[in-house]
Full PDB file with SEQRES, HELIX, SHEET, SSBOND, CRYST1, ORIGX, SCALE, CONECT and MASTER records, all heavy atoms in Angstrom:
SEQRES   1 A   38  GLY GLY LEU PRO GLU PHE THR LEU MET LYS TYR THR VAL          
SEQRES   2 A   38  VAL ASP ILE LEU ASN VAL MET PHE VAL ILE MET LEU ILE          
SEQRES   3 A   38  ALA PHE LEU ALA GLY THR LEU PRO ALA ARG LYS ALA              
HELIX    1 AA1 VAL A   13  LYS A   37  1                                  25    
CRYST1    1.000    1.000    1.000  90.00  90.00  90.00 P 1           1          
ORIGX1      1.000000  0.000000  0.000000        0.00000                         
ORIGX2      0.000000  1.000000  0.000000        0.00000                         
ORIGX3      0.000000  0.000000  1.000000        0.00000                         
SCALE1      1.000000  0.000000  0.000000        0.00000                         
SCALE2      0.000000  1.000000  0.000000        0.00000                         
SCALE3      0.000000  0.000000  1.000000        0.00000                         
ATOM      1  N   GLY A   1       2.001 -34.078  97.880  1.00  0.00           N  
ATOM      2  CA  GLY A   1       1.131 -32.877  97.981  1.00  0.00           C  
ATOM      3  C   GLY A   1       1.742 -31.710  97.318  1.00  0.00           C  
ATOM      4  O   GLY A   1       1.176 -30.567  97.447  1.00  0.00           O  
ATOM      5  N   GLY A   2       2.905 -31.795  96.663  1.00  0.00           N  
ATOM      6  CA  GLY A   2       3.463 -30.665  96.008  1.00  0.00           C  
ATOM      7  C   GLY A   2       3.033 -30.499  94.561  1.00  0.00           C  
ATOM      8  O   GLY A   2       1.893 -30.954  94.199  1.00  0.00           O  
ATOM      9  N   LEU A   3       3.751 -29.812  93.758  1.00  0.00           N  
ATOM     10  CA  LEU A   3       3.368 -29.639  92.415  1.00  0.00           C  
ATOM     11  C   LEU A   3       3.390 -30.906  91.620  1.00  0.00           C  
ATOM     12  O   LEU A   3       4.406 -31.635  91.666  1.00  0.00           O  
ATOM     13  CB  LEU A   3       4.320 -28.621  91.713  1.00  0.00           C  
ATOM     14  CG  LEU A   3       4.369 -27.230  92.381  1.00  0.00           C  
ATOM     15  CD1 LEU A   3       5.480 -26.412  91.738  1.00  0.00           C  
ATOM     16  CD2 LEU A   3       3.038 -26.507  92.152  1.00  0.00           C  
ATOM     17  N   PRO A   4       2.337 -31.231  90.909  1.00  0.00           N  
ATOM     18  CA  PRO A   4       2.335 -32.561  90.199  1.00  0.00           C  
ATOM     19  C   PRO A   4       3.317 -32.649  89.012  1.00  0.00           C  
ATOM     20  O   PRO A   4       3.795 -33.723  88.729  1.00  0.00           O  
ATOM     21  CB  PRO A   4       0.868 -32.646  89.714  1.00  0.00           C  
ATOM     22  CG  PRO A   4       0.361 -31.285  89.718  1.00  0.00           C  
ATOM     23  CD  PRO A   4       1.147 -30.498  90.732  1.00  0.00           C  
ATOM     24  N   GLU A   5       3.648 -31.468  88.378  1.00  0.00           N  
ATOM     25  CA  GLU A   5       4.543 -31.551  87.259  1.00  0.00           C  
ATOM     26  C   GLU A   5       6.009 -31.419  87.683  1.00  0.00           C  
ATOM     27  O   GLU A   5       6.950 -31.429  86.812  1.00  0.00           O  
ATOM     28  CB  GLU A   5       4.156 -30.412  86.266  1.00  0.00           C  
ATOM     29  CG  GLU A   5       4.436 -29.022  86.750  1.00  0.00           C  
ATOM     30  CD  GLU A   5       3.287 -28.436  87.580  1.00  0.00           C  
ATOM     31  OE1 GLU A   5       2.221 -29.013  87.690  1.00  0.00           O  
ATOM     32  OE2 GLU A   5       3.476 -27.310  88.012  1.00  0.00           O  
ATOM     33  N   PHE A   6       6.282 -31.241  88.950  1.00  0.00           N  
ATOM     34  CA  PHE A   6       7.644 -31.071  89.415  1.00  0.00           C  
ATOM     35  C   PHE A   6       8.394 -32.421  89.358  1.00  0.00           C  
ATOM     36  O   PHE A   6       7.905 -33.430  89.806  1.00  0.00           O  
ATOM     37  CB  PHE A   6       7.677 -30.585  90.869  1.00  0.00           C  
ATOM     38  CG  PHE A   6       9.085 -30.386  91.404  1.00  0.00           C  
ATOM     39  CD1 PHE A   6       9.824 -29.303  91.103  1.00  0.00           C  
ATOM     40  CD2 PHE A   6       9.676 -31.362  92.226  1.00  0.00           C  
ATOM     41  CE1 PHE A   6      11.094 -29.085  91.615  1.00  0.00           C  
ATOM     42  CE2 PHE A   6      10.902 -31.176  92.752  1.00  0.00           C  
ATOM     43  CZ  PHE A   6      11.623 -30.048  92.423  1.00  0.00           C  
ATOM     44  N   THR A   7       9.646 -32.360  88.735  1.00  0.00           N  
ATOM     45  CA  THR A   7      10.470 -33.512  88.740  1.00  0.00           C  
ATOM     46  C   THR A   7      11.815 -33.189  89.416  1.00  0.00           C  
ATOM     47  O   THR A   7      12.391 -32.107  89.162  1.00  0.00           O  
ATOM     48  CB  THR A   7      10.778 -34.031  87.293  1.00  0.00           C  
ATOM     49  OG1 THR A   7      11.295 -32.982  86.546  1.00  0.00           O  
ATOM     50  CG2 THR A   7       9.468 -34.570  86.679  1.00  0.00           C  
ATOM     51  N   LEU A   8      12.342 -34.068  90.172  1.00  0.00           N  
ATOM     52  CA  LEU A   8      13.559 -33.846  90.838  1.00  0.00           C  
ATOM     53  C   LEU A   8      14.775 -33.932  89.922  1.00  0.00           C  
ATOM     54  O   LEU A   8      15.698 -33.215  89.972  1.00  0.00           O  
ATOM     55  CB  LEU A   8      13.728 -34.865  92.047  1.00  0.00           C  
ATOM     56  CG  LEU A   8      14.731 -34.599  93.077  1.00  0.00           C  
ATOM     57  CD1 LEU A   8      14.611 -33.290  93.738  1.00  0.00           C  
ATOM     58  CD2 LEU A   8      14.737 -35.711  94.087  1.00  0.00           C  
ATOM     59  N   MET A   9      14.731 -34.976  89.093  1.00  0.00           N  
ATOM     60  CA  MET A   9      15.842 -35.165  88.165  1.00  0.00           C  
ATOM     61  C   MET A   9      15.201 -35.200  86.716  1.00  0.00           C  
ATOM     62  O   MET A   9      14.347 -35.959  86.393  1.00  0.00           O  
ATOM     63  CB  MET A   9      16.509 -36.512  88.375  1.00  0.00           C  
ATOM     64  CG  MET A   9      17.099 -36.600  89.790  1.00  0.00           C  
ATOM     65  SD  MET A   9      17.899 -38.175  90.102  1.00  0.00           S  
ATOM     66  CE  MET A   9      19.420 -37.844  89.328  1.00  0.00           C  
ATOM     67  N   LYS A  10      15.785 -34.300  85.913  1.00  0.00           N  
ATOM     68  CA  LYS A  10      15.227 -34.210  84.506  1.00  0.00           C  
ATOM     69  C   LYS A  10      16.365 -34.180  83.540  1.00  0.00           C  
ATOM     70  O   LYS A  10      17.345 -33.605  83.757  1.00  0.00           O  
ATOM     71  CB  LYS A  10      14.448 -32.833  84.442  1.00  0.00           C  
ATOM     72  CG  LYS A  10      13.712 -32.650  83.113  1.00  0.00           C  
ATOM     73  CD  LYS A  10      12.910 -31.353  83.214  1.00  0.00           C  
ATOM     74  CE  LYS A  10      12.117 -31.181  81.937  1.00  0.00           C  
ATOM     75  NZ  LYS A  10      11.316 -29.929  81.970  1.00  0.00           N  
ATOM     76  N   TYR A  11      16.163 -34.931  82.426  1.00  0.00           N  
ATOM     77  CA  TYR A  11      17.199 -35.106  81.446  1.00  0.00           C  
ATOM     78  C   TYR A  11      16.685 -34.485  80.132  1.00  0.00           C  
ATOM     79  O   TYR A  11      15.573 -34.900  79.696  1.00  0.00           O  
ATOM     80  CB  TYR A  11      17.599 -36.554  81.230  1.00  0.00           C  
ATOM     81  CG  TYR A  11      18.067 -37.219  82.462  1.00  0.00           C  
ATOM     82  CD1 TYR A  11      17.238 -38.014  83.289  1.00  0.00           C  
ATOM     83  CD2 TYR A  11      19.402 -37.122  82.857  1.00  0.00           C  
ATOM     84  CE1 TYR A  11      17.727 -38.657  84.375  1.00  0.00           C  
ATOM     85  CE2 TYR A  11      19.902 -37.758  83.968  1.00  0.00           C  
ATOM     86  CZ  TYR A  11      19.022 -38.497  84.715  1.00  0.00           C  
ATOM     87  OH  TYR A  11      19.518 -39.071  85.894  1.00  0.00           O  
ATOM     88  N   THR A  12      17.432 -33.682  79.479  1.00  0.00           N  
ATOM     89  CA  THR A  12      17.085 -33.194  78.169  1.00  0.00           C  
ATOM     90  C   THR A  12      17.983 -33.872  77.157  1.00  0.00           C  
ATOM     91  O   THR A  12      19.086 -34.365  77.480  1.00  0.00           O  
ATOM     92  CB  THR A  12      17.223 -31.655  78.033  1.00  0.00           C  
ATOM     93  OG1 THR A  12      18.647 -31.292  78.181  1.00  0.00           O  
ATOM     94  CG2 THR A  12      16.407 -30.982  79.071  1.00  0.00           C  
ATOM     95  N   VAL A  13      17.592 -33.860  75.888  1.00  0.00           N  
ATOM     96  CA  VAL A  13      18.387 -34.523  74.802  1.00  0.00           C  
ATOM     97  C   VAL A  13      19.739 -33.836  74.730  1.00  0.00           C  
ATOM     98  O   VAL A  13      20.755 -34.450  74.587  1.00  0.00           O  
ATOM     99  CB  VAL A  13      17.593 -34.497  73.532  1.00  0.00           C  
ATOM    100  CG1 VAL A  13      18.487 -35.008  72.395  1.00  0.00           C  
ATOM    101  CG2 VAL A  13      16.340 -35.231  73.610  1.00  0.00           C  
ATOM    102  N   VAL A  14      19.786 -32.497  74.808  1.00  0.00           N  
ATOM    103  CA  VAL A  14      21.016 -31.762  74.716  1.00  0.00           C  
ATOM    104  C   VAL A  14      21.977 -32.158  75.877  1.00  0.00           C  
ATOM    105  O   VAL A  14      23.130 -32.364  75.602  1.00  0.00           O  
ATOM    106  CB  VAL A  14      20.766 -30.251  74.738  1.00  0.00           C  
ATOM    107  CG1 VAL A  14      22.056 -29.472  74.756  1.00  0.00           C  
ATOM    108  CG2 VAL A  14      19.901 -29.868  73.536  1.00  0.00           C  
ATOM    109  N   ASP A  15      21.510 -32.283  77.069  1.00  0.00           N  
ATOM    110  CA  ASP A  15      22.320 -32.692  78.145  1.00  0.00           C  
ATOM    111  C   ASP A  15      22.894 -34.086  77.976  1.00  0.00           C  
ATOM    112  O   ASP A  15      24.106 -34.336  78.214  1.00  0.00           O  
ATOM    113  CB  ASP A  15      21.547 -32.714  79.501  1.00  0.00           C  
ATOM    114  CG  ASP A  15      21.106 -31.304  79.887  1.00  0.00           C  
ATOM    115  OD1 ASP A  15      21.822 -30.307  79.475  1.00  0.00           O  
ATOM    116  OD2 ASP A  15      20.121 -31.160  80.656  1.00  0.00           O  
ATOM    117  N   ILE A  16      22.079 -34.981  77.460  1.00  0.00           N  
ATOM    118  CA  ILE A  16      22.525 -36.403  77.270  1.00  0.00           C  
ATOM    119  C   ILE A  16      23.602 -36.422  76.178  1.00  0.00           C  
ATOM    120  O   ILE A  16      24.608 -37.072  76.359  1.00  0.00           O  
ATOM    121  CB  ILE A  16      21.279 -37.251  76.894  1.00  0.00           C  
ATOM    122  CG1 ILE A  16      20.366 -37.433  78.021  1.00  0.00           C  
ATOM    123  CG2 ILE A  16      21.736 -38.579  76.378  1.00  0.00           C  
ATOM    124  CD1 ILE A  16      19.085 -38.049  77.717  1.00  0.00           C  
ATOM    125  N   LEU A  17      23.350 -35.685  75.082  1.00  0.00           N  
ATOM    126  CA  LEU A  17      24.341 -35.616  74.023  1.00  0.00           C  
ATOM    127  C   LEU A  17      25.689 -34.991  74.486  1.00  0.00           C  
ATOM    128  O   LEU A  17      26.793 -35.438  74.079  1.00  0.00           O  
ATOM    129  CB  LEU A  17      23.802 -34.909  72.777  1.00  0.00           C  
ATOM    130  CG  LEU A  17      22.695 -35.636  72.103  1.00  0.00           C  
ATOM    131  CD1 LEU A  17      22.155 -34.807  70.932  1.00  0.00           C  
ATOM    132  CD2 LEU A  17      23.117 -37.033  71.573  1.00  0.00           C  
ATOM    133  N   ASN A  18      25.614 -33.917  75.320  1.00  0.00           N  
ATOM    134  CA  ASN A  18      26.823 -33.259  75.820  1.00  0.00           C  
ATOM    135  C   ASN A  18      27.563 -34.265  76.694  1.00  0.00           C  
ATOM    136  O   ASN A  18      28.829 -34.338  76.595  1.00  0.00           O  
ATOM    137  CB  ASN A  18      26.447 -32.021  76.605  1.00  0.00           C  
ATOM    138  CG  ASN A  18      26.073 -30.903  75.707  1.00  0.00           C  
ATOM    139  OD1 ASN A  18      26.463 -30.841  74.577  1.00  0.00           O  
ATOM    140  ND2 ASN A  18      25.334 -29.956  76.288  1.00  0.00           N  
ATOM    141  N   VAL A  19      26.918 -35.010  77.586  1.00  0.00           N  
ATOM    142  CA  VAL A  19      27.641 -35.977  78.463  1.00  0.00           C  
ATOM    143  C   VAL A  19      28.216 -37.059  77.629  1.00  0.00           C  
ATOM    144  O   VAL A  19      29.385 -37.485  77.833  1.00  0.00           O  
ATOM    145  CB  VAL A  19      26.616 -36.540  79.501  1.00  0.00           C  
ATOM    146  CG1 VAL A  19      27.234 -37.727  80.216  1.00  0.00           C  
ATOM    147  CG2 VAL A  19      26.254 -35.446  80.445  1.00  0.00           C  
ATOM    148  N   MET A  20      27.504 -37.580  76.616  1.00  0.00           N  
ATOM    149  CA  MET A  20      28.078 -38.671  75.785  1.00  0.00           C  
ATOM    150  C   MET A  20      29.293 -38.129  75.014  1.00  0.00           C  
ATOM    151  O   MET A  20      30.290 -38.822  74.861  1.00  0.00           O  
ATOM    152  CB  MET A  20      27.013 -39.174  74.849  1.00  0.00           C  
ATOM    153  CG  MET A  20      26.002 -39.948  75.566  1.00  0.00           C  
ATOM    154  SD  MET A  20      24.732 -40.576  74.416  1.00  0.00           S  
ATOM    155  CE  MET A  20      25.516 -41.843  73.499  1.00  0.00           C  
ATOM    156  N   PHE A  21      29.248 -36.840  74.521  1.00  0.00           N  
ATOM    157  CA  PHE A  21      30.386 -36.311  73.852  1.00  0.00           C  
ATOM    158  C   PHE A  21      31.622 -36.189  74.743  1.00  0.00           C  
ATOM    159  O   PHE A  21      32.743 -36.511  74.320  1.00  0.00           O  
ATOM    160  CB  PHE A  21      30.022 -34.953  73.253  1.00  0.00           C  
ATOM    161  CG  PHE A  21      31.180 -34.191  72.633  1.00  0.00           C  
ATOM    162  CD1 PHE A  21      31.663 -34.631  71.393  1.00  0.00           C  
ATOM    163  CD2 PHE A  21      31.796 -33.176  73.291  1.00  0.00           C  
ATOM    164  CE1 PHE A  21      32.703 -33.949  70.809  1.00  0.00           C  
ATOM    165  CE2 PHE A  21      32.873 -32.529  72.698  1.00  0.00           C  
ATOM    166  CZ  PHE A  21      33.362 -32.930  71.442  1.00  0.00           C  
ATOM    167  N   VAL A  22      31.378 -35.712  75.951  1.00  0.00           N  
ATOM    168  CA  VAL A  22      32.535 -35.563  76.889  1.00  0.00           C  
ATOM    169  C   VAL A  22      33.114 -36.942  77.256  1.00  0.00           C  
ATOM    170  O   VAL A  22      34.342 -37.116  77.302  1.00  0.00           O  
ATOM    171  CB  VAL A  22      32.057 -34.811  78.153  1.00  0.00           C  
ATOM    172  CG1 VAL A  22      33.131 -34.911  79.232  1.00  0.00           C  
ATOM    173  CG2 VAL A  22      31.746 -33.393  77.844  1.00  0.00           C  
ATOM    174  N   ILE A  23      32.239 -37.925  77.428  1.00  0.00           N  
ATOM    175  CA  ILE A  23      32.732 -39.290  77.769  1.00  0.00           C  
ATOM    176  C   ILE A  23      33.628 -39.822  76.535  1.00  0.00           C  
ATOM    177  O   ILE A  23      34.701 -40.364  76.717  1.00  0.00           O  
ATOM    178  CB  ILE A  23      31.597 -40.214  78.064  1.00  0.00           C  
ATOM    179  CG1 ILE A  23      31.005 -39.877  79.397  1.00  0.00           C  
ATOM    180  CG2 ILE A  23      32.051 -41.702  78.025  1.00  0.00           C  
ATOM    181  CD1 ILE A  23      29.668 -40.589  79.700  1.00  0.00           C  
ATOM    182  N   MET A  24      33.137 -39.650  75.344  1.00  0.00           N  
ATOM    183  CA  MET A  24      33.874 -40.142  74.156  1.00  0.00           C  
ATOM    184  C   MET A  24      35.169 -39.348  74.003  1.00  0.00           C  
ATOM    185  O   MET A  24      36.160 -39.935  73.618  1.00  0.00           O  
ATOM    186  CB  MET A  24      32.968 -40.098  72.930  1.00  0.00           C  
ATOM    187  CG  MET A  24      31.902 -41.136  72.945  1.00  0.00           C  
ATOM    188  SD  MET A  24      30.957 -41.313  71.382  1.00  0.00           S  
ATOM    189  CE  MET A  24      30.016 -39.847  71.385  1.00  0.00           C  
ATOM    190  N   LEU A  25      35.122 -38.027  74.211  1.00  0.00           N  
ATOM    191  CA  LEU A  25      36.345 -37.257  74.142  1.00  0.00           C  
ATOM    192  C   LEU A  25      37.358 -37.750  75.125  1.00  0.00           C  
ATOM    193  O   LEU A  25      38.565 -37.880  74.782  1.00  0.00           O  
ATOM    194  CB  LEU A  25      36.046 -35.831  74.364  1.00  0.00           C  
ATOM    195  CG  LEU A  25      37.219 -34.810  74.291  1.00  0.00           C  
ATOM    196  CD1 LEU A  25      37.750 -34.768  72.878  1.00  0.00           C  
ATOM    197  CD2 LEU A  25      36.822 -33.449  74.692  1.00  0.00           C  
ATOM    198  N   ILE A  26      36.990 -37.967  76.383  1.00  0.00           N  
ATOM    199  CA  ILE A  26      37.899 -38.477  77.419  1.00  0.00           C  
ATOM    200  C   ILE A  26      38.532 -39.798  77.018  1.00  0.00           C  
ATOM    201  O   ILE A  26      39.727 -40.042  77.134  1.00  0.00           O  
ATOM    202  CB  ILE A  26      37.252 -38.545  78.742  1.00  0.00           C  
ATOM    203  CG1 ILE A  26      36.932 -37.076  79.254  1.00  0.00           C  
ATOM    204  CG2 ILE A  26      38.132 -39.240  79.734  1.00  0.00           C  
ATOM    205  CD1 ILE A  26      36.190 -37.027  80.556  1.00  0.00           C  
ATOM    206  N   ALA A  27      37.631 -40.675  76.514  1.00  0.00           N  
ATOM    207  CA  ALA A  27      38.088 -42.051  76.083  1.00  0.00           C  
ATOM    208  C   ALA A  27      39.038 -41.891  74.889  1.00  0.00           C  
ATOM    209  O   ALA A  27      40.071 -42.627  74.835  1.00  0.00           O  
ATOM    210  CB  ALA A  27      36.934 -42.896  75.712  1.00  0.00           C  
ATOM    211  N   PHE A  28      38.785 -41.050  73.970  1.00  0.00           N  
ATOM    212  CA  PHE A  28      39.687 -40.866  72.830  1.00  0.00           C  
ATOM    213  C   PHE A  28      41.039 -40.332  73.280  1.00  0.00           C  
ATOM    214  O   PHE A  28      42.058 -40.828  72.780  1.00  0.00           O  
ATOM    215  CB  PHE A  28      39.052 -39.840  71.835  1.00  0.00           C  
ATOM    216  CG  PHE A  28      39.926 -39.443  70.739  1.00  0.00           C  
ATOM    217  CD1 PHE A  28      40.117 -40.385  69.668  1.00  0.00           C  
ATOM    218  CD2 PHE A  28      40.527 -38.244  70.624  1.00  0.00           C  
ATOM    219  CE1 PHE A  28      40.892 -40.018  68.599  1.00  0.00           C  
ATOM    220  CE2 PHE A  28      41.338 -37.887  69.616  1.00  0.00           C  
ATOM    221  CZ  PHE A  28      41.559 -38.811  68.572  1.00  0.00           C  
ATOM    222  N   LEU A  29      41.092 -39.346  74.135  1.00  0.00           N  
ATOM    223  CA  LEU A  29      42.308 -38.774  74.592  1.00  0.00           C  
ATOM    224  C   LEU A  29      43.077 -39.806  75.436  1.00  0.00           C  
ATOM    225  O   LEU A  29      44.276 -39.876  75.344  1.00  0.00           O  
ATOM    226  CB  LEU A  29      42.107 -37.527  75.429  1.00  0.00           C  
ATOM    227  CG  LEU A  29      41.517 -36.295  74.586  1.00  0.00           C  
ATOM    228  CD1 LEU A  29      41.248 -35.168  75.572  1.00  0.00           C  
ATOM    229  CD2 LEU A  29      42.534 -35.934  73.529  1.00  0.00           C  
ATOM    230  N   ALA A  30      42.364 -40.557  76.247  1.00  0.00           N  
ATOM    231  CA  ALA A  30      43.027 -41.591  77.078  1.00  0.00           C  
ATOM    232  C   ALA A  30      43.746 -42.705  76.250  1.00  0.00           C  
ATOM    233  O   ALA A  30      44.722 -43.286  76.695  1.00  0.00           O  
ATOM    234  CB  ALA A  30      42.064 -42.203  78.032  1.00  0.00           C  
ATOM    235  N   GLY A  31      43.221 -42.881  75.068  1.00  0.00           N  
ATOM    236  CA  GLY A  31      43.827 -43.920  74.158  1.00  0.00           C  
ATOM    237  C   GLY A  31      44.861 -43.306  73.259  1.00  0.00           C  
ATOM    238  O   GLY A  31      45.840 -43.946  72.901  1.00  0.00           O  
ATOM    239  N   THR A  32      44.587 -42.059  72.836  1.00  0.00           N  
ATOM    240  CA  THR A  32      45.510 -41.435  71.778  1.00  0.00           C  
ATOM    241  C   THR A  32      46.776 -40.938  72.366  1.00  0.00           C  
ATOM    242  O   THR A  32      47.817 -41.049  71.739  1.00  0.00           O  
ATOM    243  CB  THR A  32      44.693 -40.285  71.110  1.00  0.00           C  
ATOM    244  OG1 THR A  32      43.536 -40.881  70.579  1.00  0.00           O  
ATOM    245  CG2 THR A  32      45.537 -39.724  70.018  1.00  0.00           C  
ATOM    246  N   LEU A  33      46.704 -40.145  73.545  1.00  0.00           N  
ATOM    247  CA  LEU A  33      47.822 -39.548  74.079  1.00  0.00           C  
ATOM    248  C   LEU A  33      49.001 -40.448  74.461  1.00  0.00           C  
ATOM    249  O   LEU A  33      50.193 -40.221  74.044  1.00  0.00           O  
ATOM    250  CB  LEU A  33      47.512 -38.582  75.203  1.00  0.00           C  
ATOM    251  CG  LEU A  33      46.569 -37.459  74.867  1.00  0.00           C  
ATOM    252  CD1 LEU A  33      46.250 -36.632  76.087  1.00  0.00           C  
ATOM    253  CD2 LEU A  33      47.185 -36.582  73.779  1.00  0.00           C  
ATOM    254  N   PRO A  34      48.751 -41.573  75.083  1.00  0.00           N  
ATOM    255  CA  PRO A  34      49.871 -42.525  75.363  1.00  0.00           C  
ATOM    256  C   PRO A  34      50.396 -43.150  74.130  1.00  0.00           C  
ATOM    257  O   PRO A  34      51.565 -43.411  73.976  1.00  0.00           O  
ATOM    258  CB  PRO A  34      49.230 -43.549  76.278  1.00  0.00           C  
ATOM    259  CG  PRO A  34      48.046 -42.949  76.869  1.00  0.00           C  
ATOM    260  CD  PRO A  34      47.580 -41.970  75.885  1.00  0.00           C  
ATOM    261  N   ALA A  35      49.534 -43.450  73.125  1.00  0.00           N  
ATOM    262  CA  ALA A  35      49.963 -44.012  71.902  1.00  0.00           C  
ATOM    263  C   ALA A  35      50.847 -43.052  71.129  1.00  0.00           C  
ATOM    264  O   ALA A  35      51.871 -43.398  70.494  1.00  0.00           O  
ATOM    265  CB  ALA A  35      48.806 -44.488  71.045  1.00  0.00           C  
ATOM    266  N   ARG A  36      50.497 -41.837  71.144  1.00  0.00           N  
ATOM    267  CA  ARG A  36      51.280 -40.838  70.421  1.00  0.00           C  
ATOM    268  C   ARG A  36      52.634 -40.654  71.034  1.00  0.00           C  
ATOM    269  O   ARG A  36      53.647 -40.548  70.394  1.00  0.00           O  
ATOM    270  CB  ARG A  36      50.513 -39.481  70.514  1.00  0.00           C  
ATOM    271  CG  ARG A  36      51.077 -38.424  69.689  1.00  0.00           C  
ATOM    272  CD  ARG A  36      50.156 -37.178  69.769  1.00  0.00           C  
ATOM    273  NE  ARG A  36      50.812 -36.090  69.036  1.00  0.00           N  
ATOM    274  CZ  ARG A  36      50.405 -34.857  69.105  1.00  0.00           C  
ATOM    275  NH1 ARG A  36      49.343 -34.592  69.758  1.00  0.00           N  
ATOM    276  NH2 ARG A  36      51.077 -33.917  68.451  1.00  0.00           N  
ATOM    277  N   LYS A  37      52.691 -40.730  72.445  1.00  0.00           N  
ATOM    278  CA  LYS A  37      53.955 -40.600  73.105  1.00  0.00           C  
ATOM    279  C   LYS A  37      54.840 -41.882  72.781  1.00  0.00           C  
ATOM    280  O   LYS A  37      56.017 -41.756  72.629  1.00  0.00           O  
ATOM    281  CB  LYS A  37      53.764 -40.558  74.589  1.00  0.00           C  
ATOM    282  CG  LYS A  37      54.989 -40.421  75.406  1.00  0.00           C  
ATOM    283  CD  LYS A  37      54.687 -40.415  76.918  1.00  0.00           C  
ATOM    284  CE  LYS A  37      55.951 -40.342  77.656  1.00  0.00           C  
ATOM    285  NZ  LYS A  37      55.706 -40.359  79.172  1.00  0.00           N  
ATOM    286  N   ALA A  38      54.139 -43.012  72.638  1.00  0.00           N  
ATOM    287  CA  ALA A  38      54.902 -44.247  72.423  1.00  0.00           C  
ATOM    288  C   ALA A  38      55.523 -44.205  71.046  1.00  0.00           C  
ATOM    289  O   ALA A  38      56.571 -44.804  70.778  1.00  0.00           O  
ATOM    290  CB  ALA A  38      54.004 -45.431  72.561  1.00  0.00           C  
TER     291      ALA A  38                                                      
MASTER        0    0    0    1    0    0    0    6  290    1    0    3          
END                                                                             
């Protein structure tokens, strides 16, 4: 009975790309930093 266009969870392309970038950055650092130390 609320607003028909209301969505509880909404994803934008910019948000998705930002999250994917952060995930790839963390994975890159997790692999690179120990190898660099070694």
